[in-house]
Protein backbone atom coordinates (compact mmCIF):
# COMPACT_ATOMS: atom_id res chain seq x y z
CA MET A 1 116.62 96.72 142.52
CA SER A 2 112.99 96.88 142.85
CA THR A 3 111.88 100.65 142.64
CA LEU A 4 108.72 101.15 144.75
CA ILE A 5 105.98 103.90 142.48
CA THR A 6 103.17 105.22 145.11
CA ASN A 7 100.68 108.28 145.82
CA ILE A 8 100.02 107.55 141.78
CA ALA A 9 96.52 109.78 141.24
CA GLU A 10 94.88 107.69 137.96
CA LEU A 11 96.77 104.39 136.66
CA MET A 12 95.68 104.10 133.44
CA THR A 13 97.14 100.94 132.04
CA GLN A 14 95.81 100.31 129.05
CA ASP A 15 95.62 96.58 129.33
CA LEU A 16 93.27 93.86 128.27
CA GLU A 17 91.30 94.72 130.76
CA HIS A 18 91.46 98.37 130.18
CA ARG A 19 92.05 99.05 133.95
CA VAL A 20 92.01 102.66 134.88
CA LEU A 21 93.12 102.28 139.11
CA LYS A 22 92.76 105.51 141.23
CA ASN A 23 95.11 106.34 144.41
CA ALA A 24 97.45 103.55 143.02
CA ALA A 25 101.00 101.94 142.72
CA MET A 26 103.20 100.12 141.08
CA VAL A 27 106.50 98.29 141.42
CA VAL A 28 108.76 98.35 139.19
CA GLU A 29 111.96 95.05 139.50
CA GLY A 30 114.44 95.24 136.80
CA GLU A 31 113.22 95.86 133.71
CA ARG A 32 109.89 94.39 134.04
CA ILE A 33 106.52 95.60 135.92
CA ALA A 34 106.25 93.30 139.73
CA TRP A 35 103.18 94.88 140.85
CA LEU A 36 100.35 97.38 140.39
CA GLY A 37 97.73 97.52 142.38
CA ALA A 38 95.22 99.84 145.18
CA ALA A 39 98.57 102.03 146.71
CA ALA A 40 97.33 101.34 150.10
CA SER A 41 98.67 97.31 149.73
CA ALA A 42 101.59 98.48 147.64
CA PRO A 43 104.75 95.68 148.83
CA ALA A 44 107.90 97.45 150.30
CA ALA A 45 110.78 97.51 147.50
CA ASP A 46 114.21 98.84 147.66
CA GLU A 47 113.73 102.07 147.37
CA ALA A 48 110.12 104.18 146.54
CA VAL A 49 108.86 107.33 144.32
CA ASP A 50 106.35 109.61 145.08
CA ALA A 51 104.39 110.12 142.49
CA GLY A 52 103.05 113.11 143.78
CA GLY A 53 99.03 112.84 142.72
CA ARG A 54 100.21 112.67 139.12
CA ALA A 55 98.96 110.62 136.52
CA VAL A 56 100.56 107.10 135.23
CA LEU A 57 100.07 105.90 132.02
CA PRO A 58 102.41 103.57 129.58
CA GLY A 59 105.46 105.26 127.86
CA TRP A 60 104.42 105.43 124.13
CA VAL A 61 104.77 104.01 121.19
CA ASP A 62 105.48 105.09 118.47
CA SER A 63 105.40 102.65 115.65
CA HIS A 64 106.53 105.31 112.47
CA THR A 65 109.29 107.40 112.21
CA HIS A 66 112.05 108.65 109.90
CA LEU A 67 115.03 109.76 112.35
CA VAL A 68 118.21 108.81 110.18
CA PHE A 69 118.97 111.53 107.74
CA ALA A 70 120.33 114.92 107.58
CA GLY A 71 119.78 118.57 105.86
CA ASP A 72 116.47 120.38 106.69
CA ARG A 73 113.73 121.29 104.40
CA THR A 74 112.24 124.41 105.75
CA ALA A 75 111.85 125.86 102.64
CA GLU A 76 109.76 123.30 101.22
CA PHE A 77 107.78 123.67 104.65
CA GLU A 78 107.33 127.20 104.32
CA ALA A 79 106.42 126.59 100.20
CA ARG A 80 103.43 124.31 101.48
CA MET A 81 102.02 126.79 103.90
CA ALA A 82 101.80 129.36 101.24
CA GLY A 83 99.88 127.51 99.46
CA GLU A 84 102.14 125.02 97.49
CA GLN A 85 100.79 121.27 97.28
CA TYR A 86 102.62 118.17 99.27
CA SER A 87 104.10 115.60 96.32
CA ALA A 88 106.40 113.26 97.40
CA GLY A 89 108.71 114.47 95.14
CA GLY A 90 110.74 116.49 98.17
CA ILE A 91 112.73 113.04 99.82
CA ALA A 92 114.82 113.72 97.58
CA VAL A 93 116.30 116.74 99.08
CA THR A 94 116.61 114.78 102.01
CA VAL A 95 118.07 111.80 100.01
CA ASP A 96 121.44 114.12 99.21
CA ALA A 97 121.81 115.76 102.46
CA THR A 98 121.52 111.74 103.20
CA ARG A 99 124.26 111.08 101.42
CA ARG A 100 126.27 113.18 101.79
CA ALA A 101 126.36 113.00 106.03
CA SER A 102 129.06 110.61 107.41
CA ASP A 103 128.59 107.79 109.42
CA PHE A 104 128.80 109.97 112.61
CA ASP A 105 127.26 113.15 112.11
CA LEU A 106 124.07 110.84 110.75
CA THR A 107 124.64 108.32 114.19
CA ARG A 108 124.61 111.55 116.00
CA LEU A 109 121.60 113.39 114.98
CA ALA A 110 119.58 110.21 115.00
CA MET A 111 120.33 109.44 118.69
CA ALA A 112 119.42 112.77 119.55
CA ARG A 113 116.15 112.73 118.34
CA VAL A 114 115.87 109.35 119.82
CA SER A 115 116.18 111.07 123.14
CA GLU A 116 114.12 113.87 122.26
CA ALA A 117 110.75 111.56 121.44
CA VAL A 118 111.86 109.81 125.40
CA SER A 119 111.64 113.16 126.70
CA LEU A 120 108.32 113.55 125.80
CA GLY A 121 107.68 110.26 127.07
CA THR A 122 108.38 108.05 123.83
CA THR A 123 109.91 104.33 125.48
CA TYR A 124 109.69 101.73 122.23
CA LEU A 125 109.86 103.26 118.84
CA GLU A 126 110.43 102.45 115.09
CA THR A 127 112.26 104.14 112.49
CA LYS A 128 112.86 103.61 108.74
CA THR A 129 115.75 103.64 106.28
CA GLY A 130 114.34 105.47 102.86
CA TYR A 131 116.84 108.13 102.69
CA GLY A 132 119.74 106.54 100.41
CA LEU A 133 117.69 105.03 97.94
CA ASP A 134 120.81 102.83 96.18
CA THR A 135 122.17 99.74 97.95
CA GLU A 136 125.14 101.11 99.46
CA HIS A 137 123.43 103.94 101.59
CA GLU A 138 120.24 102.01 102.46
CA ALA A 139 122.41 99.00 104.33
CA ARG A 140 123.88 102.24 105.72
CA SER A 141 121.17 103.84 107.27
CA ALA A 142 120.01 100.84 108.20
CA ARG A 143 122.80 99.88 110.60
CA ILE A 144 122.96 103.33 112.13
CA ALA A 145 119.45 102.96 113.07
CA SER A 146 119.51 99.43 114.12
CA THR A 147 122.20 101.09 116.76
CA VAL A 148 119.73 103.49 118.13
CA ALA A 149 115.85 102.37 117.48
CA ASP A 150 114.09 99.39 119.22
CA GLU A 151 112.67 98.22 115.58
CA VAL A 152 114.18 98.84 112.35
CA THR A 153 111.95 99.05 108.70
CA TYR A 154 113.26 98.93 105.18
CA LEU A 155 112.10 101.29 103.56
CA GLY A 156 113.78 101.13 100.58
CA ALA A 157 111.30 101.77 98.56
CA HIS A 158 110.57 105.25 99.21
CA LEU A 159 110.84 106.80 96.28
CA VAL A 160 112.06 106.48 92.42
CA PRO A 161 115.52 107.89 92.49
CA THR A 162 115.54 110.77 89.77
CA GLY A 163 116.61 109.08 86.23
CA LEU A 164 116.29 105.85 86.90
CA ASP A 165 113.96 103.50 85.33
CA ALA A 166 111.07 102.68 87.53
CA ASP A 167 110.74 98.93 87.34
CA ALA A 168 114.04 98.69 87.30
CA TYR A 169 115.17 100.44 90.15
CA THR A 170 112.23 97.75 92.27
CA ASP A 171 114.39 95.35 90.76
CA LEU A 172 117.25 96.86 92.63
CA VAL A 173 114.97 97.13 96.17
CA CYS A 174 113.78 93.65 95.83
CA GLY A 175 117.52 91.99 95.16
CA PRO A 176 120.66 93.29 96.31
CA MET A 177 119.19 96.21 98.55
CA LEU A 178 116.88 93.60 100.45
CA ASP A 179 120.27 91.55 100.57
CA ALA A 180 121.97 94.63 102.57
CA VAL A 181 119.70 96.10 104.87
CA ARG A 182 118.55 92.23 106.06
CA PRO A 183 121.01 91.96 108.79
CA TYR A 184 120.53 94.94 110.26
CA VAL A 185 115.69 94.85 109.72
CA ARG A 186 112.57 93.62 110.68
CA TRP A 187 110.08 94.69 109.02
CA ALA A 188 109.51 96.01 105.11
CA ASP A 189 107.81 98.94 104.24
CA VAL A 190 106.94 100.62 100.97
CA PHE A 191 105.47 103.98 99.95
CA CYS A 192 102.17 102.87 97.67
CA GLU A 193 101.19 106.16 96.52
CA LYS A 194 101.39 108.11 93.16
CA GLY A 195 104.43 109.59 92.58
CA ALA A 196 105.68 107.25 94.30
CA PHE A 197 105.37 103.24 93.50
CA THR A 198 102.43 101.52 91.58
CA ALA A 199 100.05 98.60 93.38
CA GLU A 200 102.03 96.39 91.22
CA GLN A 201 105.60 97.48 91.91
CA SER A 202 104.51 98.26 95.39
CA ARG A 203 103.51 93.83 95.66
CA ARG A 204 106.49 92.76 94.35
CA VAL A 205 108.41 94.65 97.03
CA LEU A 206 106.48 93.37 99.90
CA ARG A 207 106.35 89.70 99.02
CA ALA A 208 110.09 89.63 97.97
CA CYS A 209 110.55 91.25 101.78
CA ARG A 210 108.22 88.61 103.40
CA ASP A 211 109.65 85.97 101.39
CA ALA A 212 113.08 86.90 103.43
CA GLY A 213 111.78 86.55 106.44
CA LEU A 214 110.40 90.72 107.33
CA GLY A 215 107.36 91.45 108.05
CA ILE A 216 105.68 94.07 106.06
CA ARG A 217 104.08 97.71 106.10
CA VAL A 218 102.41 99.79 104.04
CA HIS A 219 102.25 103.95 103.29
CA GLY A 220 98.99 104.04 101.60
CA ASN A 221 95.64 106.53 100.86
CA GLN A 222 97.73 109.42 102.08
CA LEU A 223 97.17 111.50 99.04
CA GLY A 224 94.41 109.97 97.57
CA GLU A 225 91.94 106.91 97.57
CA GLY A 226 94.53 104.23 95.53
CA PRO A 227 95.73 100.54 96.53
CA GLY A 228 97.77 100.98 99.94
CA VAL A 229 94.82 99.75 102.61
CA GLN A 230 93.59 96.77 99.73
CA LEU A 231 96.71 95.72 99.17
CA ALA A 232 98.09 95.93 102.68
CA THR A 233 95.24 93.54 103.67
CA GLU A 234 95.63 91.68 101.13
CA LEU A 235 99.00 90.31 102.02
CA GLY A 236 98.23 90.58 105.35
CA ALA A 237 100.52 93.69 106.17
CA ALA A 238 101.02 94.45 110.04
CA SER A 239 99.78 97.99 109.72
CA VAL A 240 99.40 100.11 106.63
CA ASP A 241 99.80 103.85 107.37
CA HIS A 242 98.50 107.42 107.01
CA VAL A 243 95.11 106.30 105.94
CA ASN A 244 93.64 110.07 104.70
CA TYR A 245 91.53 108.81 101.87
CA LEU A 246 89.24 106.09 102.51
CA ALA A 247 86.44 104.82 100.47
CA SER A 248 83.68 102.58 102.28
CA GLN A 249 85.06 98.95 101.08
CA ASP A 250 88.11 100.35 101.87
CA VAL A 251 87.24 100.48 105.58
CA ALA A 252 85.40 97.10 105.42
CA ALA A 253 88.76 95.23 104.50
CA LEU A 254 90.76 96.57 107.13
CA ALA A 255 87.54 95.28 109.86
CA ASP A 256 87.88 92.15 107.96
CA SER A 257 90.53 91.50 108.91
CA TRP A 258 90.28 91.96 112.37
CA THR A 259 87.10 88.99 112.24
CA GLY A 260 89.58 86.12 113.52
CA TRP A 261 91.21 88.34 116.60
CA ASP A 262 89.71 88.53 120.30
CA PRO A 263 90.02 92.01 121.76
CA SER A 264 88.86 91.18 124.92
CA THR A 265 92.18 88.07 125.58
CA GLY A 266 94.09 89.82 122.39
CA THR A 267 94.63 86.35 121.25
CA GLY A 268 93.34 85.23 117.21
CA ALA A 269 94.87 86.50 114.43
CA ARG A 270 96.15 89.75 113.76
CA GLY A 271 94.70 91.68 111.21
CA THR A 272 96.25 95.15 109.85
CA VAL A 273 96.51 98.43 112.05
CA ALA A 274 95.69 101.94 110.25
CA THR A 275 98.68 103.96 111.59
CA CYS A 276 96.98 107.31 111.73
CA LEU A 277 99.78 110.10 111.44
CA PRO A 278 97.57 113.61 112.97
CA ALA A 279 100.64 115.69 112.77
CA CYS A 280 101.67 114.86 108.98
CA ASP A 281 98.49 115.48 108.02
CA LEU A 282 98.10 119.29 109.77
CA SER A 283 101.73 119.92 107.81
CA THR A 284 100.67 118.87 104.64
CA ARG A 285 96.94 120.12 105.16
CA GLN A 286 95.74 116.83 104.21
CA PRO A 287 92.10 115.75 105.92
CA LEU A 288 92.19 114.17 109.13
CA PRO A 289 92.19 109.98 109.11
CA PRO A 290 88.43 109.31 109.72
CA ALA A 291 89.90 106.86 113.04
CA ARG A 292 86.27 107.01 114.86
CA ALA A 293 84.70 105.57 111.88
CA LEU A 294 87.47 102.77 112.01
CA LEU A 295 87.63 102.46 115.56
CA ASP A 296 83.06 102.06 115.40
CA ALA A 297 83.96 99.42 112.61
CA GLY A 298 86.17 97.23 114.95
CA VAL A 299 89.59 98.37 112.91
CA GLN A 300 92.80 98.28 115.70
CA VAL A 301 93.93 101.88 115.34
CA ALA A 302 97.24 103.31 116.02
CA LEU A 303 98.39 106.97 116.35
CA ALA A 304 102.34 107.74 114.96
CA SER A 305 104.24 110.68 114.56
CA ASN A 306 105.58 110.05 111.77
CA CYS A 307 108.25 112.00 112.59
CA ASN A 308 110.36 113.22 109.32
CA PRO A 309 112.25 116.65 108.23
CA GLY A 310 109.39 117.16 105.48
CA THR A 311 105.92 116.63 106.64
CA SER A 312 105.90 116.40 110.68
CA TYR A 313 109.11 117.32 111.90
CA THR A 314 108.10 115.97 115.63
CA SER A 315 108.52 113.48 117.61
CA SER A 316 105.37 115.00 120.02
CA MET A 317 103.21 111.96 120.88
CA ALA A 318 101.29 113.72 123.29
CA PHE A 319 100.28 116.22 120.37
CA CYS A 320 99.24 113.33 118.18
CA VAL A 321 96.80 112.62 121.17
CA ALA A 322 95.04 116.15 121.68
CA THR A 323 94.78 116.33 118.14
CA ALA A 324 92.49 112.54 118.05
CA VAL A 325 90.84 113.97 120.91
CA LEU A 326 90.23 117.27 120.18
CA GLN A 327 90.06 116.73 116.25
CA MET A 328 89.40 113.03 115.70
CA ARG A 329 86.51 112.63 118.07
CA LEU A 330 88.43 110.36 120.06
CA SER A 331 87.76 110.07 123.78
CA VAL A 332 91.19 110.82 125.91
CA HIS A 333 91.42 106.53 126.62
CA GLU A 334 91.08 106.33 122.63
CA ALA A 335 93.81 108.04 121.82
CA VAL A 336 96.09 106.90 125.08
CA ARG A 337 95.91 103.39 123.79
CA ALA A 338 95.81 104.06 119.76
CA ALA A 339 99.58 105.81 121.04
CA THR A 340 100.88 103.26 123.54
CA TYR A 341 98.76 99.64 122.90
CA GLY A 342 97.34 100.11 119.09
CA GLY A 343 101.23 101.12 118.55
CA ALA A 344 102.61 97.98 120.34
CA LEU A 345 99.74 96.33 118.12
CA ALA A 346 101.55 97.82 115.23
CA LEU A 347 104.65 96.27 115.68
CA HIS A 348 103.69 92.91 117.25
CA ARG A 349 105.61 93.57 120.55
CA GLU A 350 101.48 94.09 122.78
CA THR A 351 102.38 90.01 123.80
CA GLY A 352 105.15 88.91 125.96
CA ASN A 353 105.67 88.30 129.83
CA ASP A 354 107.56 86.45 132.33
CA ALA A 355 107.56 83.25 130.43
CA ASP A 356 108.18 84.07 126.93
CA GLY A 357 111.48 86.44 127.45
CA GLU A 358 110.30 88.98 125.35
CA ARG A 359 108.03 91.87 127.68
CA ALA A 360 105.05 93.18 126.33
CA VAL A 361 105.17 97.06 125.50
CA GLY A 362 102.75 99.64 125.26
CA SER A 363 100.86 98.37 128.47
CA LEU A 364 100.94 97.90 132.20
CA ALA A 365 100.44 94.86 133.79
CA VAL A 366 102.52 92.67 135.57
CA GLY A 367 105.67 90.78 134.17
CA HIS A 368 105.12 93.24 130.80
CA ARG A 369 108.30 95.68 129.83
CA ALA A 370 108.81 98.76 132.88
CA ASP A 371 107.96 101.58 130.61
CA VAL A 372 106.35 103.99 132.92
CA HIS A 373 104.93 107.48 131.50
CA MET A 374 104.44 109.62 134.29
CA LEU A 375 102.47 113.31 133.76
CA ASN A 376 102.56 116.42 135.53
CA ALA A 377 98.91 116.81 135.88
CA PRO A 378 96.26 114.35 137.97
CA SER A 379 95.15 112.38 134.69
CA ALA A 380 95.27 112.00 130.88
CA THR A 381 92.90 113.88 129.90
CA HIS A 382 95.21 117.12 130.69
CA LEU A 383 96.86 115.21 128.02
CA ALA A 384 93.90 117.13 125.68
CA TYR A 385 92.32 119.53 128.17
CA ARG A 386 95.76 121.77 127.99
CA PRO A 387 97.00 120.83 124.79
CA GLY A 388 100.92 122.18 123.80
CA MET A 389 101.38 122.04 127.78
CA PRO A 390 104.74 120.08 128.26
CA LEU A 391 103.11 117.60 130.99
CA THR A 392 105.67 115.05 130.73
CA TYR A 393 107.21 114.46 133.91
CA ALA A 394 109.37 111.54 134.97
CA VAL A 395 109.99 108.46 132.23
CA TRP A 396 110.92 104.80 132.82
CA ARG A 397 112.37 102.79 130.28
CA ALA A 398 112.58 99.06 130.29
CA GLY A 399 112.71 99.73 134.20
CA VAL A 400 115.28 102.71 133.93
CA ARG A 401 114.82 106.39 134.94
CA ALA A 402 114.80 107.96 131.76
CA ARG A 403 113.75 111.58 132.88
C-alpha cells in the first residue's frame, strides 16, 4: 500500500543536506519513505492525502523520558514554585508509588503517556527505568518499558534508596540488577550529580554496563558544574543530558568528541551528544543550557522532553522547540533538527535504509522510516511564532497513520 502526501507547502527533511522543499510531495510505502520531491513530479500511488498547503517535518525523536511510573508530585511542584530549591531526593516519592502499583496499572499509564506523545508529533521515543531501585522492580520496569517504547534505558543508578549504603547499592546496580534488566534494555544511564552518584560510583556503573554490551549515557551537570560531562566524553557515552552548568573545559571536551565525525556525510566516529531538556529547566528554575555556544563549538545537540512526574511532566516536544528558539537562541531549523535528527543521533538511530534493514529515524529521505509530522501551519516557523498552539495536524508512525 502506497500513500502520496501532496500539496505540502514546506517539507523540512532534516537530512544530511538540510533540504527544505517548497510545493513538495512524498510517497510512503509500507513503513518506508519511497519518494520525495516537487509535487509537480510526484509519482502515482494507491491513495493520496492532500496536505492543503501545510508543513511537513520528521516526527519528533524524544531521546530522554521517564514514562514507567505511578503517583503524583504536584505538591513538590507547588513547593518549588513557591521558592523551594529542587534536589534529587524527590525521586523517592515516585519510587514508593511505582513499587505499589500493579503491572497492569504501570503498563496502562505508560501506554497512555506514549499515546499522548504520539498525538503531539512524537514518533520515536526512549524511556528509562529508575523508579524501581531494587532488582525486582527495576526488572519489572524494564520489561514494561520494552512493550511501550522504542528504546529502553536502564537507570538503576537514579538515586540511592533511603537507608542503603551508596557503595553497596552501586554493587547491586553493577551486578544482580544489571543481569535482571539486561534482556529488556539497550542503554544504561547514571545520575552523576550531587545528592545522587559520585564520579567514581558513576564510572563503575557505566563501565559495568558497557562491559555487558549496553550503550551508555549520563545525566550530568544539571544542578551545578560537576564531573558528568567529562565522564561522558571520557567513556564515549552516546549522550550527556541536562548540561545546564558547563565550564569552558566541558564545552571543549564535548566539541573534541566530534572531531572524528563528518556532519556533511554522517560518517566517522560519533561523539557525545549534548541533550538539552528545557521543559525541565523551566520547572526547576535552573538556567537553560548554553545550546547556542555548544552548536557554535561544533557539538551535536538534541532536545528532549524529559517527561517525568517530578520536574517535567510534559511530552510536548513542540514546547521544547519553541523554548529553544525563543530563549536559547536557536534558529527554527536548528531547534527542529535537535528535536528530530539530534535525538536520533543520541540514540544511534540516524542511519539506516533499504539495504540495512533498520531504517533511520529523525529525518525524511528515501529508505528512511516513514515517521511524518504534518503541522496545521504553512511552515515550521509557526512552532515558535505561535508558541503553545496545538499545531499537530497529522502523524504517521512507521508509515501508519497515528493521528
